[in-house]
C-alpha cells in the first residue's frame, strides 16, 4: 500500500513539474488580427497593424504578407516582427505589394515563429522600410526575399484576405518622406 502511494504521488509531482514545459508549445492565447477583416481594402503602406493574443514564451509573432505570383503560386514575404505587450500586439509600417499593384489580392497573416526560425529570419531579412530603395515593377524586386511556402518553425495564427486600395501607391518610405517634406 505504501509503495503504491509513493508511486502515485511521484507521478502527480512529475506531471505538475513537467506541465509548464509541455504546455509551452501550446499558444497562451488565440492571436487575432483586429485592424482589418476579410474583404477590407488596404493602402500600400499600412501605418499600424494590430491585434490581440500571445505566443508561447521564447517565440516571436511576425507579420507575413501572402500573395499569388505570376505563375499562380502562393508566395510569402516576412514584413516584420510584431511588438507584444499585455495580450496585444502591433507592427508599424507594413508594406503591402509594390508599385502599380492596386486592386491586387493579398493575405495579411500573424504567424507564431519558433526561436530557431526567428533567428534565421532576423539574420536573413533586411528591413528596407526606412531606406530610399526604389521598388521595381511587380516580380522584379530581386532584393526582396519571399518563400513559396512557410518554413517549418512557423504556425499561422490568424489571416485576413485583403485587396490593395485603388489610387494608393506610396510605400511606407515614400509616405514618410512626403510627411517630412510637409513638416
N, C-alpha and C. Protein backbone atom coordinates (compact mmCIF):
# COMPACT_ATOMS: atom_id res chain seq x y z
N UNK A 1 0.82 -1.19 0.00
CA UNK A 1 0.00 0.00 0.00
C UNK A 1 0.86 1.25 0.00
N UNK A 2 1.94 1.26 0.84
CA UNK A 2 2.80 2.44 0.91
C UNK A 2 3.53 2.67 -0.41
N UNK A 3 3.96 1.62 -1.09
CA UNK A 3 4.68 1.77 -2.36
C UNK A 3 3.75 2.38 -3.40
N UNK A 4 2.52 1.92 -3.45
CA UNK A 4 1.54 2.46 -4.39
C UNK A 4 1.29 3.94 -4.17
N UNK A 5 1.21 4.34 -2.92
CA UNK A 5 1.01 5.75 -2.58
C UNK A 5 2.15 6.59 -3.12
N UNK A 6 3.40 6.14 -2.89
CA UNK A 6 4.57 6.90 -3.32
C UNK A 6 4.68 6.93 -4.85
N UNK A 7 4.27 5.88 -5.51
CA UNK A 7 4.30 5.85 -6.98
C UNK A 7 3.30 6.88 -7.53
N UNK A 8 2.09 6.88 -6.97
CA UNK A 8 1.08 7.84 -7.42
C UNK A 8 1.51 9.26 -7.11
N UNK A 9 2.03 9.50 -5.89
CA UNK A 9 2.48 10.84 -5.52
C UNK A 9 3.62 11.31 -6.43
N UNK A 10 4.56 10.45 -6.73
CA UNK A 10 5.68 10.79 -7.62
C UNK A 10 5.16 11.13 -9.02
N UNK A 11 4.19 10.36 -9.50
CA UNK A 11 3.63 10.63 -10.83
C UNK A 11 2.93 11.98 -10.86
N UNK A 12 2.18 12.31 -9.82
CA UNK A 12 1.47 13.59 -9.76
C UNK A 12 2.46 14.75 -9.73
N UNK A 13 3.50 14.62 -8.90
CA UNK A 13 4.53 15.67 -8.82
C UNK A 13 5.23 15.81 -10.17
N UNK A 14 5.52 14.70 -10.83
CA UNK A 14 6.17 14.73 -12.14
C UNK A 14 5.34 15.48 -13.17
N UNK A 15 4.04 15.24 -13.18
CA UNK A 15 3.14 15.93 -14.11
C UNK A 15 3.11 17.42 -13.80
N UNK A 16 3.03 17.77 -12.54
CA UNK A 16 3.00 19.19 -12.15
C UNK A 16 4.28 19.89 -12.57
N UNK A 17 5.42 19.23 -12.35
CA UNK A 17 6.71 19.84 -12.71
C UNK A 17 6.85 19.93 -14.23
N UNK A 18 6.43 18.92 -14.96
CA UNK A 18 6.62 18.88 -16.41
C UNK A 18 5.58 19.71 -17.16
N UNK A 19 4.44 20.00 -16.56
CA UNK A 19 3.35 20.68 -17.26
C UNK A 19 3.77 21.99 -17.92
N UNK A 20 4.50 22.88 -17.24
CA UNK A 20 4.87 24.14 -17.90
C UNK A 20 5.71 23.92 -19.16
N UNK A 21 6.60 22.94 -19.13
CA UNK A 21 7.43 22.66 -20.31
C UNK A 21 6.56 22.09 -21.43
N UNK A 22 5.72 21.13 -21.10
CA UNK A 22 4.85 20.53 -22.10
C UNK A 22 3.87 21.54 -22.68
N UNK A 23 3.33 22.39 -21.84
CA UNK A 23 2.35 23.37 -22.28
C UNK A 23 2.97 24.57 -22.99
N UNK A 24 4.29 24.74 -22.91
CA UNK A 24 4.94 25.89 -23.56
C UNK A 24 4.78 25.84 -25.07
N UNK A 25 4.50 24.67 -25.62
CA UNK A 25 4.32 24.55 -27.07
C UNK A 25 2.91 24.94 -27.49
N UNK A 26 2.01 25.07 -26.54
CA UNK A 26 0.65 25.49 -26.85
C UNK A 26 0.58 27.01 -26.77
N UNK A 27 -0.24 27.62 -27.61
CA UNK A 27 -0.35 29.08 -27.53
C UNK A 27 -0.99 29.50 -26.21
N UNK A 28 -0.48 30.61 -25.67
CA UNK A 28 -1.04 31.14 -24.43
C UNK A 28 -2.44 31.70 -24.65
N UNK A 29 -2.68 32.19 -25.84
CA UNK A 29 -3.93 32.85 -26.13
C UNK A 29 -4.08 32.88 -27.65
N UNK A 30 -5.29 32.86 -28.14
CA UNK A 30 -5.50 32.96 -29.58
C UNK A 30 -5.02 34.31 -30.08
N UNK A 31 -4.26 34.29 -31.17
CA UNK A 31 -3.79 35.52 -31.79
C UNK A 31 -4.76 35.89 -32.90
N UNK A 32 -5.21 37.13 -32.88
CA UNK A 32 -6.12 37.62 -33.91
C UNK A 32 -5.62 38.95 -34.47
N UNK A 33 -5.97 39.19 -35.71
CA UNK A 33 -5.72 40.49 -36.35
C UNK A 33 -7.00 41.29 -36.19
N UNK A 34 -6.91 42.45 -35.57
CA UNK A 34 -8.13 43.23 -35.34
C UNK A 34 -8.23 44.49 -36.20
N UNK A 35 -7.13 44.91 -36.82
CA UNK A 35 -7.15 46.15 -37.62
C UNK A 35 -7.99 46.00 -38.88
N UNK A 36 -7.91 44.85 -39.53
CA UNK A 36 -8.66 44.61 -40.77
C UNK A 36 -9.38 43.27 -40.68
N UNK A 37 -10.48 43.18 -41.42
CA UNK A 37 -11.25 41.94 -41.53
C UNK A 37 -11.21 41.49 -42.99
N UNK A 38 -11.60 40.24 -43.24
CA UNK A 38 -11.66 39.73 -44.61
C UNK A 38 -12.43 40.68 -45.51
N UNK A 39 -11.89 40.91 -46.72
CA UNK A 39 -12.56 41.76 -47.70
C UNK A 39 -12.19 43.23 -47.62
N UNK A 40 -11.42 43.62 -46.63
CA UNK A 40 -11.05 45.04 -46.48
C UNK A 40 -10.11 45.48 -47.60
N UNK A 41 -10.18 46.77 -47.93
CA UNK A 41 -9.21 47.37 -48.84
C UNK A 41 -8.16 48.06 -47.99
N UNK A 42 -6.89 47.85 -48.34
CA UNK A 42 -5.79 48.39 -47.54
C UNK A 42 -4.89 49.26 -48.41
N UNK A 43 -4.24 50.25 -47.79
CA UNK A 43 -3.27 51.05 -48.53
C UNK A 43 -2.00 50.23 -48.78
N UNK A 44 -1.16 50.72 -49.69
CA UNK A 44 0.12 50.04 -49.91
C UNK A 44 0.94 50.05 -48.63
N UNK A 45 0.89 51.17 -47.90
CA UNK A 45 1.58 51.26 -46.61
C UNK A 45 0.54 51.23 -45.50
N UNK A 46 0.53 50.14 -44.75
CA UNK A 46 -0.33 50.08 -43.57
C UNK A 46 0.48 50.71 -42.44
N UNK A 47 0.07 51.87 -41.95
CA UNK A 47 0.87 52.54 -40.93
C UNK A 47 0.90 51.79 -39.59
N UNK A 48 -0.18 51.05 -39.30
CA UNK A 48 -0.26 50.40 -37.99
C UNK A 48 -1.18 49.18 -38.12
N UNK A 49 -0.64 48.01 -37.85
CA UNK A 49 -1.41 46.77 -37.87
C UNK A 49 -1.39 46.22 -36.46
N UNK A 50 -2.54 45.78 -35.95
CA UNK A 50 -2.55 45.33 -34.56
C UNK A 50 -3.55 44.20 -34.35
N UNK A 51 -3.47 43.62 -33.17
CA UNK A 51 -4.37 42.55 -32.80
C UNK A 51 -4.20 42.20 -31.34
N UNK A 52 -4.76 41.06 -30.98
CA UNK A 52 -4.69 40.59 -29.61
C UNK A 52 -4.13 39.18 -29.58
N UNK A 53 -3.73 38.75 -28.40
CA UNK A 53 -3.25 37.39 -28.20
C UNK A 53 -1.79 37.33 -27.82
N UNK A 54 -1.35 36.12 -27.54
CA UNK A 54 0.03 35.87 -27.12
C UNK A 54 0.55 34.64 -27.84
N UNK A 55 1.87 34.54 -27.90
CA UNK A 55 2.52 33.33 -28.40
C UNK A 55 3.31 32.72 -27.24
N UNK A 56 3.69 31.44 -27.36
CA UNK A 56 4.44 30.81 -26.26
C UNK A 56 5.74 31.56 -25.94
N UNK A 57 6.17 31.48 -24.70
CA UNK A 57 7.40 32.14 -24.27
C UNK A 57 8.56 31.70 -25.14
N UNK A 58 9.37 32.67 -25.55
CA UNK A 58 10.52 32.39 -26.42
C UNK A 58 10.19 32.48 -27.90
N UNK A 59 8.92 32.46 -28.25
CA UNK A 59 8.51 32.58 -29.64
C UNK A 59 8.30 34.05 -29.99
N UNK A 60 8.22 34.34 -31.28
CA UNK A 60 8.02 35.70 -31.76
C UNK A 60 6.85 35.72 -32.73
N UNK A 61 6.04 36.75 -32.66
CA UNK A 61 4.96 36.94 -33.63
C UNK A 61 5.50 37.79 -34.77
N UNK A 62 5.29 37.34 -36.00
CA UNK A 62 5.70 38.08 -37.19
C UNK A 62 4.48 38.40 -38.04
N UNK A 63 4.56 39.48 -38.80
CA UNK A 63 3.55 39.81 -39.80
C UNK A 63 4.06 39.33 -41.15
N UNK A 64 3.22 38.57 -41.84
CA UNK A 64 3.58 38.00 -43.14
C UNK A 64 2.55 38.46 -44.17
N UNK A 65 3.05 38.80 -45.36
CA UNK A 65 2.19 39.18 -46.47
C UNK A 65 2.19 38.02 -47.47
N UNK A 66 1.02 37.48 -47.76
CA UNK A 66 0.89 36.41 -48.73
C UNK A 66 0.27 36.92 -50.01
N UNK A 67 0.69 36.37 -51.14
CA UNK A 67 0.16 36.80 -52.44
C UNK A 67 0.42 35.70 -53.46
N UNK A 68 -0.28 35.79 -54.58
CA UNK A 68 -0.04 34.86 -55.68
C UNK A 68 0.96 35.46 -56.64
N UNK A 69 1.93 34.65 -57.08
CA UNK A 69 2.92 35.17 -58.03
C UNK A 69 2.38 35.05 -59.46
N UNK A 70 3.20 35.43 -60.43
CA UNK A 70 2.74 35.44 -61.83
C UNK A 70 2.39 34.06 -62.36
N UNK A 71 2.86 33.00 -61.68
CA UNK A 71 2.52 31.63 -62.08
C UNK A 71 1.36 31.07 -61.27
N UNK A 72 0.77 31.90 -60.40
CA UNK A 72 -0.35 31.45 -59.58
C UNK A 72 0.06 30.72 -58.31
N UNK A 73 1.34 30.68 -58.01
CA UNK A 73 1.83 30.03 -56.80
C UNK A 73 1.73 30.98 -55.61
N UNK A 74 1.46 30.44 -54.43
CA UNK A 74 1.45 31.26 -53.21
C UNK A 74 2.87 31.63 -52.83
N UNK A 75 3.07 32.90 -52.47
CA UNK A 75 4.37 33.40 -52.01
C UNK A 75 4.14 34.13 -50.70
N UNK A 76 5.19 34.21 -49.88
CA UNK A 76 5.10 34.84 -48.57
C UNK A 76 6.31 35.75 -48.36
N UNK A 77 6.02 36.96 -47.91
CA UNK A 77 7.08 37.90 -47.54
C UNK A 77 6.93 38.19 -46.04
N UNK A 78 8.01 38.06 -45.32
CA UNK A 78 8.01 38.37 -43.89
C UNK A 78 8.23 39.87 -43.75
N UNK A 79 7.20 40.57 -43.30
CA UNK A 79 7.26 42.02 -43.21
C UNK A 79 8.11 42.46 -42.03
N UNK A 80 7.71 42.04 -40.83
CA UNK A 80 8.44 42.45 -39.63
C UNK A 80 7.92 41.71 -38.42
N UNK A 81 8.76 41.64 -37.37
CA UNK A 81 8.26 41.08 -36.11
C UNK A 81 7.33 42.09 -35.44
N UNK A 82 6.35 41.57 -34.76
CA UNK A 82 5.40 42.44 -34.04
C UNK A 82 5.92 42.72 -32.63
N UNK A 83 5.49 43.85 -32.10
CA UNK A 83 5.78 44.17 -30.69
C UNK A 83 4.60 43.64 -29.88
N UNK A 84 4.90 42.91 -28.82
CA UNK A 84 3.84 42.32 -27.99
C UNK A 84 3.89 42.91 -26.59
N UNK A 85 2.67 43.19 -26.07
CA UNK A 85 2.61 43.74 -24.72
C UNK A 85 1.22 43.52 -24.13
N UNK A 86 1.17 42.90 -22.99
CA UNK A 86 -0.08 42.72 -22.23
C UNK A 86 -1.23 42.16 -23.05
N UNK A 87 -0.96 41.14 -23.83
CA UNK A 87 -2.02 40.50 -24.58
C UNK A 87 -2.42 41.19 -25.86
N UNK A 88 -1.66 42.21 -26.27
CA UNK A 88 -1.90 42.87 -27.56
C UNK A 88 -0.60 42.87 -28.35
N UNK A 89 -0.70 43.06 -29.64
CA UNK A 89 0.49 43.15 -30.49
C UNK A 89 0.27 44.23 -31.54
N UNK A 90 1.38 44.73 -32.09
CA UNK A 90 1.30 45.74 -33.14
C UNK A 90 2.55 45.70 -34.00
N UNK A 91 2.39 46.16 -35.22
CA UNK A 91 3.52 46.32 -36.15
C UNK A 91 3.25 47.58 -36.95
N UNK A 92 4.27 48.38 -37.13
CA UNK A 92 4.10 49.62 -37.89
C UNK A 92 4.80 49.52 -39.24
N UNK A 93 4.37 50.35 -40.15
CA UNK A 93 4.95 50.45 -41.49
C UNK A 93 5.03 49.09 -42.20
N UNK A 94 3.88 48.54 -42.49
CA UNK A 94 3.80 47.26 -43.20
C UNK A 94 3.46 47.54 -44.66
N UNK A 95 4.41 47.28 -45.55
CA UNK A 95 4.18 47.47 -46.98
C UNK A 95 3.43 46.27 -47.55
N UNK A 96 2.41 46.57 -48.35
CA UNK A 96 1.61 45.52 -48.99
C UNK A 96 1.77 45.68 -50.49
N UNK A 97 2.60 44.85 -51.07
CA UNK A 97 2.82 44.88 -52.52
C UNK A 97 3.71 46.02 -52.97
N UNK A 98 3.87 46.10 -54.26
CA UNK A 98 4.72 47.12 -54.86
C UNK A 98 3.92 48.11 -55.67
N UNK A 99 4.64 48.89 -56.45
CA UNK A 99 4.02 49.90 -57.29
C UNK A 99 3.06 49.25 -58.28
N UNK A 100 2.02 49.96 -58.62
CA UNK A 100 1.06 49.54 -59.65
C UNK A 100 0.40 48.20 -59.34
N UNK A 101 0.20 47.89 -58.07
CA UNK A 101 -0.47 46.64 -57.72
C UNK A 101 -1.79 46.90 -56.98
N UNK A 102 -2.38 48.06 -57.26
CA UNK A 102 -3.69 48.37 -56.68
C UNK A 102 -4.70 47.34 -57.17
N UNK A 103 -5.65 47.04 -56.33
CA UNK A 103 -6.71 46.07 -56.55
C UNK A 103 -6.22 44.62 -56.58
N UNK A 104 -4.95 44.39 -56.25
CA UNK A 104 -4.43 43.02 -56.17
C UNK A 104 -4.80 42.41 -54.83
N UNK A 105 -5.08 41.10 -54.81
CA UNK A 105 -5.42 40.44 -53.54
C UNK A 105 -4.16 40.07 -52.74
N UNK A 106 -4.26 40.17 -51.44
CA UNK A 106 -3.18 39.81 -50.52
C UNK A 106 -3.77 39.14 -49.29
N UNK A 107 -2.90 38.48 -48.54
CA UNK A 107 -3.27 37.92 -47.24
C UNK A 107 -2.35 38.53 -46.20
N UNK A 108 -2.93 39.10 -45.17
CA UNK A 108 -2.16 39.58 -44.02
C UNK A 108 -2.23 38.47 -42.98
N UNK A 109 -1.08 38.02 -42.52
CA UNK A 109 -1.07 36.92 -41.56
C UNK A 109 -0.23 37.27 -40.34
N UNK A 110 -0.71 36.83 -39.19
CA UNK A 110 0.06 36.89 -37.94
C UNK A 110 0.53 35.46 -37.69
N UNK A 111 1.84 35.27 -37.64
CA UNK A 111 2.38 33.92 -37.51
C UNK A 111 3.25 33.79 -36.27
N UNK A 112 3.13 32.65 -35.61
CA UNK A 112 3.95 32.28 -34.45
C UNK A 112 5.23 31.65 -34.99
N UNK A 113 6.38 32.21 -34.61
CA UNK A 113 7.67 31.76 -35.11
C UNK A 113 8.49 31.22 -33.95
N UNK A 114 8.99 29.99 -34.10
CA UNK A 114 9.80 29.40 -33.02
C UNK A 114 11.16 30.10 -32.96
N UNK A 115 11.90 29.93 -31.85
CA UNK A 115 13.16 30.68 -31.67
C UNK A 115 14.19 30.45 -32.78
N UNK A 116 14.37 29.21 -33.24
CA UNK A 116 15.38 28.94 -34.28
C UNK A 116 15.01 29.62 -35.59
N UNK A 117 13.74 29.57 -35.97
CA UNK A 117 13.29 30.20 -37.22
C UNK A 117 13.35 31.72 -37.10
N UNK A 118 13.03 32.25 -35.92
CA UNK A 118 13.13 33.69 -35.70
C UNK A 118 14.58 34.16 -35.89
N UNK A 119 15.53 33.42 -35.36
CA UNK A 119 16.94 33.76 -35.54
C UNK A 119 17.32 33.75 -37.01
N UNK A 120 16.85 32.74 -37.75
CA UNK A 120 17.13 32.66 -39.18
C UNK A 120 16.54 33.86 -39.91
N UNK A 121 15.29 34.20 -39.60
CA UNK A 121 14.66 35.34 -40.27
C UNK A 121 15.39 36.64 -39.98
N UNK A 122 15.73 36.87 -38.72
CA UNK A 122 16.40 38.12 -38.35
C UNK A 122 17.79 38.23 -38.96
N UNK A 123 18.45 37.11 -39.22
CA UNK A 123 19.79 37.16 -39.81
C UNK A 123 19.73 37.17 -41.33
N UNK A 124 18.58 36.89 -41.91
CA UNK A 124 18.44 36.80 -43.36
C UNK A 124 17.78 38.04 -43.96
N UNK A 125 16.75 38.55 -43.29
CA UNK A 125 15.96 39.64 -43.86
C UNK A 125 16.57 41.00 -43.55
N UNK A 126 16.38 41.92 -44.46
CA UNK A 126 16.84 43.29 -44.30
C UNK A 126 15.61 44.19 -44.33
N UNK A 127 15.45 45.02 -43.30
CA UNK A 127 14.33 45.95 -43.25
C UNK A 127 14.67 47.17 -44.10
N UNK A 128 13.97 47.28 -45.23
CA UNK A 128 14.23 48.39 -46.14
C UNK A 128 13.18 49.49 -46.03
N UNK A 129 12.35 49.44 -44.99
CA UNK A 129 11.24 50.39 -44.89
C UNK A 129 11.71 51.82 -44.64
N UNK A 130 12.90 52.02 -44.13
CA UNK A 130 13.39 53.38 -43.88
C UNK A 130 14.53 53.74 -44.82
N UNK A 131 14.54 53.13 -46.01
CA UNK A 131 15.61 53.42 -46.97
C UNK A 131 15.01 54.06 -48.22
N UNK A 132 15.87 54.44 -49.12
CA UNK A 132 15.42 55.02 -50.38
C UNK A 132 15.48 54.01 -51.52
N UNK A 133 15.48 52.72 -51.19
CA UNK A 133 15.49 51.69 -52.23
C UNK A 133 14.21 51.80 -53.03
N UNK A 134 14.35 51.88 -54.33
CA UNK A 134 13.19 52.01 -55.20
C UNK A 134 12.63 50.62 -55.49
N UNK A 135 11.34 50.46 -55.27
CA UNK A 135 10.69 49.19 -55.59
C UNK A 135 10.51 49.12 -57.10
N UNK A 136 10.88 48.00 -57.66
CA UNK A 136 10.75 47.79 -59.09
C UNK A 136 9.33 47.37 -59.43
N UNK A 137 9.07 47.22 -60.72
CA UNK A 137 7.75 46.76 -61.12
C UNK A 137 7.51 45.35 -60.57
N UNK A 138 6.26 44.90 -60.57
CA UNK A 138 5.96 43.60 -59.97
C UNK A 138 6.89 42.49 -60.46
N UNK A 139 7.33 41.67 -59.52
CA UNK A 139 8.18 40.50 -59.75
C UNK A 139 9.60 40.84 -60.19
N UNK A 140 9.99 42.08 -60.09
CA UNK A 140 11.36 42.47 -60.45
C UNK A 140 12.18 42.86 -59.22
N UNK A 141 11.60 42.77 -58.03
CA UNK A 141 12.31 43.14 -56.80
C UNK A 141 13.21 41.98 -56.37
N UNK A 142 14.38 41.89 -56.96
CA UNK A 142 15.26 40.77 -56.69
C UNK A 142 15.83 40.79 -55.28
N UNK A 143 15.86 41.96 -54.63
CA UNK A 143 16.38 42.05 -53.27
C UNK A 143 15.38 41.55 -52.25
N UNK A 144 14.11 41.44 -52.63
CA UNK A 144 13.07 41.04 -51.69
C UNK A 144 13.04 39.52 -51.61
N UNK A 145 13.16 39.00 -50.41
CA UNK A 145 13.16 37.56 -50.20
C UNK A 145 11.75 37.09 -49.91
N UNK A 146 11.25 36.18 -50.73
CA UNK A 146 9.93 35.61 -50.46
C UNK A 146 10.04 34.10 -50.56
N UNK A 147 9.11 33.44 -49.92
CA UNK A 147 9.10 31.98 -49.88
C UNK A 147 7.89 31.45 -50.62
N UNK A 148 8.04 30.25 -51.19
CA UNK A 148 6.90 29.58 -51.82
C UNK A 148 6.09 28.82 -50.79
N UNK A 149 6.61 28.67 -49.62
CA UNK A 149 5.90 28.05 -48.50
C UNK A 149 6.47 28.62 -47.22
N UNK A 150 5.82 28.37 -46.13
CA UNK A 150 6.31 28.88 -44.85
C UNK A 150 7.31 27.88 -44.25
N UNK A 151 8.41 28.38 -43.66
CA UNK A 151 9.36 27.49 -43.01
C UNK A 151 8.68 26.64 -41.93
N UNK A 152 9.28 25.51 -41.60
CA UNK A 152 8.66 24.55 -40.69
C UNK A 152 8.44 25.07 -39.27
N UNK A 153 9.19 26.06 -38.83
CA UNK A 153 9.04 26.58 -37.47
C UNK A 153 7.98 27.65 -37.33
N UNK A 154 7.03 27.68 -38.25
CA UNK A 154 6.04 28.75 -38.29
C UNK A 154 4.63 28.16 -38.27
N UNK A 155 3.79 28.83 -37.50
CA UNK A 155 2.38 28.43 -37.41
C UNK A 155 1.52 29.67 -37.63
N UNK A 156 0.64 29.61 -38.63
CA UNK A 156 -0.27 30.74 -38.91
C UNK A 156 -1.30 30.79 -37.78
N UNK A 157 -1.39 31.95 -37.14
CA UNK A 157 -2.33 32.14 -36.03
C UNK A 157 -3.63 32.79 -36.50
N UNK A 158 -3.52 33.77 -37.41
CA UNK A 158 -4.70 34.42 -37.99
C UNK A 158 -4.31 34.97 -39.35
N UNK A 159 -5.28 35.05 -40.23
CA UNK A 159 -5.02 35.52 -41.59
C UNK A 159 -6.28 36.20 -42.10
N UNK A 160 -6.11 37.34 -42.77
CA UNK A 160 -7.24 38.03 -43.38
C UNK A 160 -6.94 38.27 -44.86
N UNK A 161 -7.97 38.11 -45.68
CA UNK A 161 -7.87 38.35 -47.13
C UNK A 161 -8.21 39.81 -47.37
N UNK A 162 -7.29 40.54 -48.01
CA UNK A 162 -7.50 41.97 -48.28
C UNK A 162 -7.20 42.26 -49.74
N UNK A 163 -7.55 43.48 -50.16
CA UNK A 163 -7.25 43.96 -51.50
C UNK A 163 -6.60 45.33 -51.37
N UNK A 164 -5.60 45.58 -52.22
CA UNK A 164 -4.98 46.90 -52.21
C UNK A 164 -5.95 47.94 -52.73
N UNK A 165 -6.03 49.08 -52.04
CA UNK A 165 -6.91 50.19 -52.45
C UNK A 165 -6.47 50.73 -53.81
N UNK A 166 -7.43 51.17 -54.60
CA UNK A 166 -7.04 51.83 -55.86
C UNK A 166 -6.49 53.23 -55.57
N UNK A 167 -5.53 53.65 -56.37
CA UNK A 167 -5.02 55.01 -56.27
C UNK A 167 -4.11 55.29 -55.10
N UNK A 168 -3.74 54.29 -54.35
CA UNK A 168 -2.88 54.49 -53.17
C UNK A 168 -1.59 53.71 -53.41
N UNK A 169 -0.59 54.37 -53.99
CA UNK A 169 0.58 53.65 -54.45
C UNK A 169 1.88 54.05 -53.76
N UNK A 170 1.81 54.75 -52.62
CA UNK A 170 3.03 55.15 -51.93
C UNK A 170 3.47 54.08 -50.94
N UNK A 171 4.75 53.74 -50.96
CA UNK A 171 5.30 52.81 -49.97
C UNK A 171 5.39 53.53 -48.63
N UNK A 172 5.73 52.79 -47.60
CA UNK A 172 5.88 53.41 -46.27
C UNK A 172 7.00 54.44 -46.27
N UNK A 173 8.09 54.16 -46.97
CA UNK A 173 9.19 55.11 -47.06
C UNK A 173 8.75 56.37 -47.78
N UNK A 174 8.05 56.22 -48.90
CA UNK A 174 7.58 57.39 -49.66
C UNK A 174 6.57 58.20 -48.84
N UNK A 175 5.71 57.53 -48.09
CA UNK A 175 4.75 58.22 -47.24
C UNK A 175 5.46 59.05 -46.18
N UNK A 176 6.49 58.47 -45.56
CA UNK A 176 7.25 59.18 -44.53
C UNK A 176 8.01 60.37 -45.12
N UNK A 177 8.60 60.17 -46.31
CA UNK A 177 9.32 61.27 -46.96
C UNK A 177 8.37 62.42 -47.29
N UNK A 178 7.20 62.10 -47.77
CA UNK A 178 6.21 63.14 -48.11
C UNK A 178 5.79 63.90 -46.84
N UNK A 179 5.59 63.19 -45.75
CA UNK A 179 5.23 63.83 -44.48
C UNK A 179 6.37 64.72 -43.98
N UNK A 180 7.60 64.27 -44.12
CA UNK A 180 8.75 65.08 -43.68
C UNK A 180 8.89 66.36 -44.49
N UNK A 181 8.59 66.29 -45.77
CA UNK A 181 8.68 67.48 -46.63
C UNK A 181 7.63 68.52 -46.26
N UNK A 182 6.43 68.03 -45.85
CA UNK A 182 5.36 68.93 -45.44
C UNK A 182 5.65 69.56 -44.09
N UNK A 183 6.31 68.81 -43.22
CA UNK A 183 6.55 69.26 -41.84
C UNK A 183 7.74 70.07 -41.73
